[in-house]
C-alpha atoms as a PDB file:
ATOM      1  CA  UNK A   1      93.713  30.600  82.079  1.00  0.00           C
ATOM      2  CA  UNK A   2      91.678  27.468  83.916  1.00  0.00           C
ATOM      3  CA  UNK A   3      91.312  24.201  82.270  1.00  0.00           C
ATOM      4  CA  UNK A   4      87.957  22.677  82.594  1.00  0.00           C
ATOM      5  CA  UNK A   5      88.159  19.061  85.089  1.00  0.00           C
ATOM      6  CA  UNK A   6      87.290  16.160  83.041  1.00  0.00           C
ATOM      7  CA  UNK A   7      83.697  14.752  83.911  1.00  0.00           C
ATOM      8  CA  UNK A   8      83.942  11.678  86.091  1.00  0.00           C
ATOM      9  CA  UNK A   9      82.861   8.257  85.109  1.00  0.00           C
ATOM     10  CA  UNK A  10      78.900   7.976  85.597  1.00  0.00           C
ATOM     11  CA  UNK A  11      79.652   4.652  87.354  1.00  0.00           C
ATOM     12  CA  UNK A  12      81.476   6.723  90.142  1.00  0.00           C
ATOM     13  CA  UNK A  13      78.210   8.434  91.116  1.00  0.00           C
ATOM     14  CA  UNK A  14      75.361   7.278  93.146  1.00  0.00           C
ATOM     15  CA  UNK A  15      72.627   5.723  91.092  1.00  0.00           C
ATOM     16  CA  UNK A  16      70.521   8.994  91.195  1.00  0.00           C
ATOM     17  CA  UNK A  17      70.545  12.646  92.609  1.00  0.00           C
ATOM     18  CA  UNK A  18      70.497  12.717  96.160  1.00  0.00           C
ATOM     19  CA  UNK A  19      67.692  15.213  96.226  1.00  0.00           C
ATOM     20  CA  UNK A  20      64.291  15.460  94.903  1.00  0.00           C
ATOM     21  CA  UNK A  21      61.320  13.045  94.806  1.00  0.00           C
ATOM     22  CA  UNK A  22      61.838   9.219  95.415  1.00  0.00           C
ATOM     23  CA  UNK A  23      63.374   7.458  92.182  1.00  0.00           C
ATOM     24  CA  UNK A  24      60.741   6.161  89.502  1.00  0.00           C
ATOM     25  CA  UNK A  25      63.122   4.358  87.543  1.00  0.00           C
ATOM     26  CA  UNK A  26      66.913   2.743  87.413  1.00  0.00           C
ATOM     27  CA  UNK A  27      69.676   3.243  85.233  1.00  0.00           C
ATOM     28  CA  UNK A  28      69.235  -0.356  84.326  1.00  0.00           C
ATOM     29  CA  UNK A  29      65.480   0.813  83.030  1.00  0.00           C
ATOM     30  CA  UNK A  30      66.825   3.999  80.990  1.00  0.00           C
ATOM     31  CA  UNK A  31      69.880   2.135  79.246  1.00  0.00           C
ATOM     32  CA  UNK A  32      67.189  -0.783  78.407  1.00  0.00           C
ATOM     33  CA  UNK A  33      64.566   1.827  76.726  1.00  0.00           C
ATOM     34  CA  UNK A  34      67.708   3.642  74.925  1.00  0.00           C
ATOM     35  CA  UNK A  35      68.823   0.364  73.280  1.00  0.00           C
ATOM     36  CA  UNK A  36      65.463  -0.728  72.257  1.00  0.00           C
ATOM     37  CA  UNK A  37      65.252   2.830  70.366  1.00  0.00           C
ATOM     38  CA  UNK A  38      68.851   2.685  69.044  1.00  0.00           C
ATOM     39  CA  UNK A  39      68.645  -1.208  67.604  1.00  0.00           C
ATOM     40  CA  UNK A  40      65.135  -0.124  66.011  1.00  0.00           C
ATOM     41  CA  UNK A  41      65.627   3.430  64.792  1.00  0.00           C
ATOM     42  CA  UNK A  42      69.347   4.095  64.926  1.00  0.00           C
ATOM     43  CA  UNK A  43      71.762   6.126  67.275  1.00  0.00           C
ATOM     44  CA  UNK A  44      70.535   9.464  65.986  1.00  0.00           C
ATOM     45  CA  UNK A  45      66.841   8.600  67.464  1.00  0.00           C
ATOM     46  CA  UNK A  46      68.315   8.253  71.025  1.00  0.00           C
ATOM     47  CA  UNK A  47      67.539  11.304  72.893  1.00  0.00           C
ATOM     48  CA  UNK A  48      66.673  12.177  76.627  1.00  0.00           C
ATOM     49  CA  UNK A  49      63.260  13.339  75.391  1.00  0.00           C
ATOM     50  CA  UNK A  50      62.625  10.152  73.315  1.00  0.00           C
ATOM     51  CA  UNK A  51      63.879   7.879  76.000  1.00  0.00           C
ATOM     52  CA  UNK A  52      61.558   9.683  78.693  1.00  0.00           C
ATOM     53  CA  UNK A  53      58.832   9.291  76.419  1.00  0.00           C
ATOM     54  CA  UNK A  54      59.244   5.485  76.195  1.00  0.00           C
ATOM     55  CA  UNK A  55      59.566   5.228  79.849  1.00  0.00           C
ATOM     56  CA  UNK A  56      56.257   7.413  80.232  1.00  0.00           C
ATOM     57  CA  UNK A  57      58.113  10.419  81.957  1.00  0.00           C
ATOM     58  CA  UNK A  58      59.371  13.967  81.318  1.00  0.00           C
ATOM     59  CA  UNK A  59      62.738  14.329  79.817  1.00  0.00           C
ATOM     60  CA  UNK A  60      63.620  16.694  83.280  1.00  0.00           C
ATOM     61  CA  UNK A  61      63.080  13.583  85.340  1.00  0.00           C
ATOM     62  CA  UNK A  62      66.147  11.453  83.419  1.00  0.00           C
ATOM     63  CA  UNK A  63      68.934  14.077  84.194  1.00  0.00           C
ATOM     64  CA  UNK A  64      68.290  13.157  87.846  1.00  0.00           C
ATOM     65  CA  UNK A  65      70.121   9.751  86.718  1.00  0.00           C
ATOM     66  CA  UNK A  66      72.085  10.562  83.481  1.00  0.00           C
ATOM     67  CA  UNK A  67      73.387  14.354  83.383  1.00  0.00           C
ATOM     68  CA  UNK A  68      74.069  14.022  79.749  1.00  0.00           C
ATOM     69  CA  UNK A  69      73.283  12.386  76.520  1.00  0.00           C
ATOM     70  CA  UNK A  70      77.094  11.255  76.149  1.00  0.00           C
ATOM     71  CA  UNK A  71      76.547   9.292  79.761  1.00  0.00           C
ATOM     72  CA  UNK A  72      73.639   7.574  78.163  1.00  0.00           C
ATOM     73  CA  UNK A  73      75.397   6.205  75.293  1.00  0.00           C
ATOM     74  CA  UNK A  74      78.320   5.047  77.957  1.00  0.00           C
ATOM     75  CA  UNK A  75      75.754   3.220  79.735  1.00  0.00           C
ATOM     76  CA  UNK A  76      74.365   1.425  76.571  1.00  0.00           C
ATOM     77  CA  UNK A  77      77.887   0.711  75.214  1.00  0.00           C
ATOM     78  CA  UNK A  78      78.637  -1.011  78.463  1.00  0.00           C
ATOM     79  CA  UNK A  79      75.487  -2.876  78.833  1.00  0.00           C
ATOM     80  CA  UNK A  80      75.896  -4.790  75.545  1.00  0.00           C
ATOM     81  CA  UNK A  81      79.022  -5.983  77.133  1.00  0.00           C
ATOM     82  CA  UNK A  82      76.834  -7.959  79.691  1.00  0.00           C
ATOM     83  CA  UNK A  83      75.920 -10.211  76.242  1.00  0.00           C
ATOM     84  CA  UNK A  84      79.333 -12.203  76.361  1.00  0.00           C
ATOM     85  CA  UNK A  85      79.009 -15.788  77.874  1.00  0.00           C
ATOM     86  CA  UNK A  86      82.294 -16.525  79.368  1.00  0.00           C
ATOM     87  CA  UNK A  87      83.471 -20.118  79.673  1.00  0.00           C
ATOM     88  CA  UNK A  88      86.396 -21.659  81.835  1.00  0.00           C
ATOM     89  CA  UNK A  89      89.549 -21.280  79.677  1.00  0.00           C
ATOM     90  CA  UNK A  90      90.540 -24.195  77.761  1.00  0.00           C
ATOM     91  CA  UNK A  91      94.114 -24.074  77.862  1.00  0.00           C
ATOM     92  CA  UNK A  92      94.136 -22.947  74.323  1.00  0.00           C
ATOM     93  CA  UNK A  93      94.720 -19.346  74.464  1.00  0.00           C
ATOM     94  CA  UNK A  94      94.204 -18.380  70.760  1.00  0.00           C
ATOM     95  CA  UNK A  95      91.229 -20.317  70.360  1.00  0.00           C
ATOM     96  CA  UNK A  96      89.844 -18.690  73.380  1.00  0.00           C
ATOM     97  CA  UNK A  97      90.600 -15.502  72.577  1.00  0.00           C
ATOM     98  CA  UNK A  98      89.151 -15.848  69.092  1.00  0.00           C
ATOM     99  CA  UNK A  99      86.137 -17.015  70.734  1.00  0.00           C
ATOM    100  CA  UNK A 100      86.270 -13.883  72.573  1.00  0.00           C
ATOM    101  CA  UNK A 101      86.433 -12.069  69.371  1.00  0.00           C
ATOM    102  CA  UNK A 102      83.475 -14.178  67.662  1.00  0.00           C
ATOM    103  CA  UNK A 103      81.079 -13.191  70.796  1.00  0.00           C
ATOM    104  CA  UNK A 104      82.128  -9.507  70.267  1.00  0.00           C
ATOM    105  CA  UNK A 105      80.962  -9.716  66.561  1.00  0.00           C
ATOM    106  CA  UNK A 106      77.870 -11.300  67.514  1.00  0.00           C
ATOM    107  CA  UNK A 107      77.115  -8.787  69.830  1.00  0.00           C
ATOM    108  CA  UNK A 108      77.981  -5.937  67.239  1.00  0.00           C
ATOM    109  CA  UNK A 109      75.686  -7.385  64.859  1.00  0.00           C
ATOM    110  CA  UNK A 110      72.929  -7.226  67.027  1.00  0.00           C
ATOM    111  CA  UNK A 111      73.347  -3.810  67.733  1.00  0.00           C
ATOM    112  CA  UNK A 112      74.312  -2.271  64.221  1.00  0.00           C
ATOM    113  CA  UNK A 113      75.022   1.264  65.974  1.00  0.00           C
ATOM    114  CA  UNK A 114      77.671  -0.316  68.304  1.00  0.00           C
ATOM    115  CA  UNK A 115      80.563  -0.656  65.930  1.00  0.00           C
ATOM    116  CA  UNK A 116      81.067   2.978  64.984  1.00  0.00           C
ATOM    117  CA  UNK A 117      80.205   4.132  68.398  1.00  0.00           C
ATOM    118  CA  UNK A 118      83.026   1.683  69.907  1.00  0.00           C
ATOM    119  CA  UNK A 119      85.539   3.033  67.745  1.00  0.00           C
ATOM    120  CA  UNK A 120      84.638   6.795  68.193  1.00  0.00           C
ATOM    121  CA  UNK A 121      83.492   6.618  71.726  1.00  0.00           C
ATOM    122  CA  UNK A 122      85.265   3.827  73.668  1.00  0.00           C
ATOM    123  CA  UNK A 123      84.313   3.420  77.063  1.00  0.00           C
ATOM    124  CA  UNK A 124      85.145   1.276  80.218  1.00  0.00           C
ATOM    125  CA  UNK A 125      82.270   0.295  82.752  1.00  0.00           C
ATOM    126  CA  UNK A 126      81.291  -2.479  84.965  1.00  0.00           C
ATOM    127  CA  UNK A 127      80.835  -4.878  82.092  1.00  0.00           C
ATOM    128  CA  UNK A 128      83.528  -4.000  80.191  1.00  0.00           C
ATOM    129  CA  UNK A 129      86.009  -4.408  83.042  1.00  0.00           C
ATOM    130  CA  UNK A 130      84.722  -8.225  83.441  1.00  0.00           C
ATOM    131  CA  UNK A 131      85.303  -8.657  79.725  1.00  0.00           C
ATOM    132  CA  UNK A 132      88.846  -7.378  80.521  1.00  0.00           C
ATOM    133  CA  UNK A 133      89.365  -9.745  83.433  1.00  0.00           C
ATOM    134  CA  UNK A 134      87.852 -12.672  81.417  1.00  0.00           C
ATOM    135  CA  UNK A 135      90.501 -11.742  78.542  1.00  0.00           C
ATOM    136  CA  UNK A 136      93.270 -11.497  81.175  1.00  0.00           C
ATOM    137  CA  UNK A 137      92.285 -15.014  82.837  1.00  0.00           C
ATOM    138  CA  UNK A 138      92.642 -16.617  79.177  1.00  0.00           C
ATOM    139  CA  UNK A 139      96.280 -15.412  79.003  1.00  0.00           C
ATOM    140  CA  UNK A 140      97.036 -16.004  82.673  1.00  0.00           C
ATOM    141  CA  UNK A 141     100.617 -17.670  82.617  1.00  0.00           C
ATOM    142  CA  UNK A 142     101.263 -16.312  78.968  1.00  0.00           C
ATOM    143  CA  UNK A 143     104.679 -14.898  78.602  1.00  0.00           C
ATOM    144  CA  UNK A 144     103.910 -11.905  76.637  1.00  0.00           C
ATOM    145  CA  UNK A 145     104.171  -8.438  78.573  1.00  0.00           C
ATOM    146  CA  UNK A 146     101.650  -6.502  79.994  1.00  0.00           C
ATOM    147  CA  UNK A 147     101.803  -3.951  77.227  1.00  0.00           C
ATOM    148  CA  UNK A 148     101.394  -6.683  74.445  1.00  0.00           C
ATOM    149  CA  UNK A 149      98.576  -8.359  76.528  1.00  0.00           C
ATOM    150  CA  UNK A 150      96.489  -4.669  76.144  1.00  0.00           C
ATOM    151  CA  UNK A 151      97.670  -4.125  72.741  1.00  0.00           C
ATOM    152  CA  UNK A 152      96.031  -7.540  71.700  1.00  0.00           C
ATOM    153  CA  UNK A 153      92.891  -6.929  73.723  1.00  0.00           C
ATOM    154  CA  UNK A 154      92.566  -3.408  72.000  1.00  0.00           C
ATOM    155  CA  UNK A 155      93.159  -4.999  68.312  1.00  0.00           C
ATOM    156  CA  UNK A 156      90.492  -7.463  69.114  1.00  0.00           C
ATOM    157  CA  UNK A 157      88.216  -4.582  69.927  1.00  0.00           C
ATOM    158  CA  UNK A 158      89.074  -2.474  67.011  1.00  0.00           C
ATOM    159  CA  UNK A 159      89.542  -5.473  64.193  1.00  0.00           C
ATOM    160  CA  UNK A 160      86.004  -6.995  65.190  1.00  0.00           C
ATOM    161  CA  UNK A 161      84.444  -3.490  65.005  1.00  0.00           C
ATOM    162  CA  UNK A 162      86.141  -2.783  61.584  1.00  0.00           C
ATOM    163  CA  UNK A 163      84.997  -6.236  60.197  1.00  0.00           C
ATOM    164  CA  UNK A 164      81.225  -5.197  61.268  1.00  0.00           C
ATOM    165  CA  UNK A 165      81.695  -2.041  59.750  1.00  0.00           C
ATOM    166  CA  UNK A 166      83.009  -3.611  56.640  1.00  0.00           C
ATOM    167  CA  UNK A 167      79.722  -5.930  56.542  1.00  0.00           C
ATOM    168  CA  UNK A 168      77.504  -2.920  57.206  1.00  0.00           C
ATOM    169  CA  UNK A 169      78.909  -1.217  54.252  1.00  0.00           C
ATOM    170  CA  UNK A 170      78.423  -3.855  51.691  1.00  0.00           C
ATOM    171  CA  UNK A 171      80.609  -6.698  52.774  1.00  0.00           C
ATOM    172  CA  UNK A 172      80.979  -9.213  49.729  1.00  0.00           C
ATOM    173  CA  UNK A 173      79.297  -7.290  47.301  1.00  0.00           C
ATOM    174  CA  UNK A 174      81.754  -4.205  47.859  1.00  0.00           C
ATOM    175  CA  UNK A 175      84.648  -7.149  47.667  1.00  0.00           C
ATOM    176  CA  UNK A 176      83.501  -7.992  44.071  1.00  0.00           C
ATOM    177  CA  UNK A 177      83.292  -4.581  43.057  1.00  0.00           C
ATOM    178  CA  UNK A 178      86.691  -4.050  44.314  1.00  0.00           C
ATOM    179  CA  UNK A 179      87.870  -7.329  42.897  1.00  0.00           C
ATOM    180  CA  UNK A 180      86.375  -6.284  39.392  1.00  0.00           C
ATOM    181  CA  UNK A 181      88.297  -2.702  39.175  1.00  0.00           C
ATOM    182  CA  UNK A 182      91.539  -4.637  40.427  1.00  0.00           C
ATOM    183  CA  UNK A 183      90.917  -7.030  37.281  1.00  0.00           C
ATOM    184  CA  UNK A 184      90.839  -4.099  35.038  1.00  0.00           C
ATOM    185  CA  UNK A 185      93.581  -2.385  36.489  1.00  0.00           C
ATOM    186  CA  UNK A 186      95.941  -5.333  36.345  1.00  0.00           C
ATOM    187  CA  UNK A 187      95.284  -5.850  32.884  1.00  0.00           C
ATOM    188  CA  UNK A 188      96.034  -2.277  31.814  1.00  0.00           C
ATOM    189  CA  UNK A 189      99.717  -2.871  31.832  1.00  0.00           C
ATOM    190  CA  UNK A 190      99.966   0.373  34.122  1.00  0.00           C
ATOM    191  CA  UNK A 191     100.716  -1.427  37.270  1.00  0.00           C
ATOM    192  CA  UNK A 192     102.955  -4.281  36.643  1.00  0.00           C
ATOM    193  CA  UNK A 193     103.810  -4.937  40.385  1.00  0.00           C
ATOM    194  CA  UNK A 194      99.980  -5.073  41.182  1.00  0.00           C
ATOM    195  CA  UNK A 195      99.492  -7.731  38.121  1.00  0.00           C
ATOM    196  CA  UNK A 196     102.560  -9.790  39.235  1.00  0.00           C
ATOM    197  CA  UNK A 197     101.051 -10.186  42.707  1.00  0.00           C
ATOM    198  CA  UNK A 198      97.571 -11.013  42.099  1.00  0.00           C
ATOM    199  CA  UNK A 199      98.763 -13.300  39.692  1.00  0.00           C
ATOM    200  CA  UNK A 200     101.144 -14.824  42.101  1.00  0.00           C
ATOM    201  CA  UNK A 201      98.064 -15.155  44.701  1.00  0.00           C
ATOM    202  CA  UNK A 202      95.864 -17.015  41.736  1.00  0.00           C
ATOM    203  CA  UNK A 203      98.645 -19.403  40.999  1.00  0.00           C
ATOM    204  CA  UNK A 204      98.005 -23.115  41.761  1.00  0.00           C
ATOM    205  CA  UNK A 205     101.323 -22.892  43.841  1.00  0.00           C
ATOM    206  CA  UNK A 206      99.860 -20.547  46.027  1.00  0.00           C
ATOM    207  CA  UNK A 207      96.767 -22.743  47.287  1.00  0.00           C
ATOM    208  CA  UNK A 208      94.606 -20.038  46.610  1.00  0.00           C
ATOM    209  CA  UNK A 209      93.873 -20.100  42.833  1.00  0.00           C
ATOM    210  CA  UNK A 210      90.229 -21.524  43.460  1.00  0.00           C
ATOM    211  CA  UNK A 211      89.114 -18.859  46.225  1.00  0.00           C
ATOM    212  CA  UNK A 212      86.658 -16.120  45.109  1.00  0.00           C
ATOM    213  CA  UNK A 213      84.759 -13.834  47.526  1.00  0.00           C
ATOM    214  CA  UNK A 214      82.471 -16.913  48.377  1.00  0.00           C
ATOM    215  CA  UNK A 215      85.205 -18.975  49.457  1.00  0.00           C
ATOM    216  CA  UNK A 216      86.824 -16.465  51.551  1.00  0.00           C
ATOM    217  CA  UNK A 217      83.250 -14.995  52.993  1.00  0.00           C
ATOM    218  CA  UNK A 218      84.944 -15.202  56.578  1.00  0.00           C
ATOM    219  CA  UNK A 219      88.236 -14.654  57.106  1.00  0.00           C
ATOM    220  CA  UNK A 220      87.764 -12.987  60.415  1.00  0.00           C
ATOM    221  CA  UNK A 221      88.916 -16.079  62.343  1.00  0.00           C
ATOM    222  CA  UNK A 222      91.999 -16.459  60.532  1.00  0.00           C
ATOM    223  CA  UNK A 223      93.213 -12.698  60.310  1.00  0.00           C
ATOM    224  CA  UNK A 224      92.365 -12.287  64.102  1.00  0.00           C
ATOM    225  CA  UNK A 225      94.642 -15.447  65.130  1.00  0.00           C
ATOM    226  CA  UNK A 226      97.354 -13.993  62.751  1.00  0.00           C
ATOM    227  CA  UNK A 227      97.134 -10.631  64.463  1.00  0.00           C
ATOM    228  CA  UNK A 228      96.971 -12.181  67.803  1.00  0.00           C
ATOM    229  CA  UNK A 229      99.900 -14.442  67.264  1.00  0.00           C
ATOM    230  CA  UNK A 230     101.835 -11.649  65.720  1.00  0.00           C
ATOM    231  CA  UNK A 231     101.437  -9.632  68.904  1.00  0.00           C
ATOM    232  CA  UNK A 232     101.549 -12.161  71.751  1.00  0.00           C
ATOM    233  CA  UNK A 233     104.035 -15.013  70.165  1.00  0.00           C
ATOM    234  CA  UNK A 234     104.317 -18.340  71.623  1.00  0.00           C
ATOM    235  CA  UNK A 235     102.351 -21.507  71.039  1.00  0.00           C
ATOM    236  CA  UNK A 236      98.407 -21.707  71.314  1.00  0.00           C
END
């Protein structure tokens, strides 16, 4: 039984089909219209018909530029990667990688649909390749293996998307609800190890006894730094 060949990357095809009427739009225009719709109304609102209406054309005409809705999503995802503003490496690779993560988080926050899509449908296009190139420039000369560097890049993406999804799910309010139930659970007597762990974390010796949700509102840079140090090792 023959298997279906995987679809090729949209960026490996010409900008538009080689037959038919002269081009009236560009991929960039189509992508920009799709981004506006997604940012305003969510990803479910993005359809070929809706984007065509935004551009004042018929849905059939868009298929000369983009073959499927999935390809449109690929274009949208990669377009957001053009929003990075890269600075020359400072020599402190850890600070520079955390800065990449912070830019990624800002982009994901600007496009509320993007965090979930980047996890469920990761894509590499021209702008994404530029991000990888900058990431590798920051780590130029670092002794970590190629595998470790690629794992670190993947972890920045995954951890950042997860952080933004957590914010979208409730963030600090969700943390407070969970903390309230943990307090109840630890006083029930049914979970002695959990109670001991929380008591230890709250002790003055731990240095965390005064930290509540408000004090730990943004743990992202700290957690990302620890993950990157664990994966890459060495000194910042």
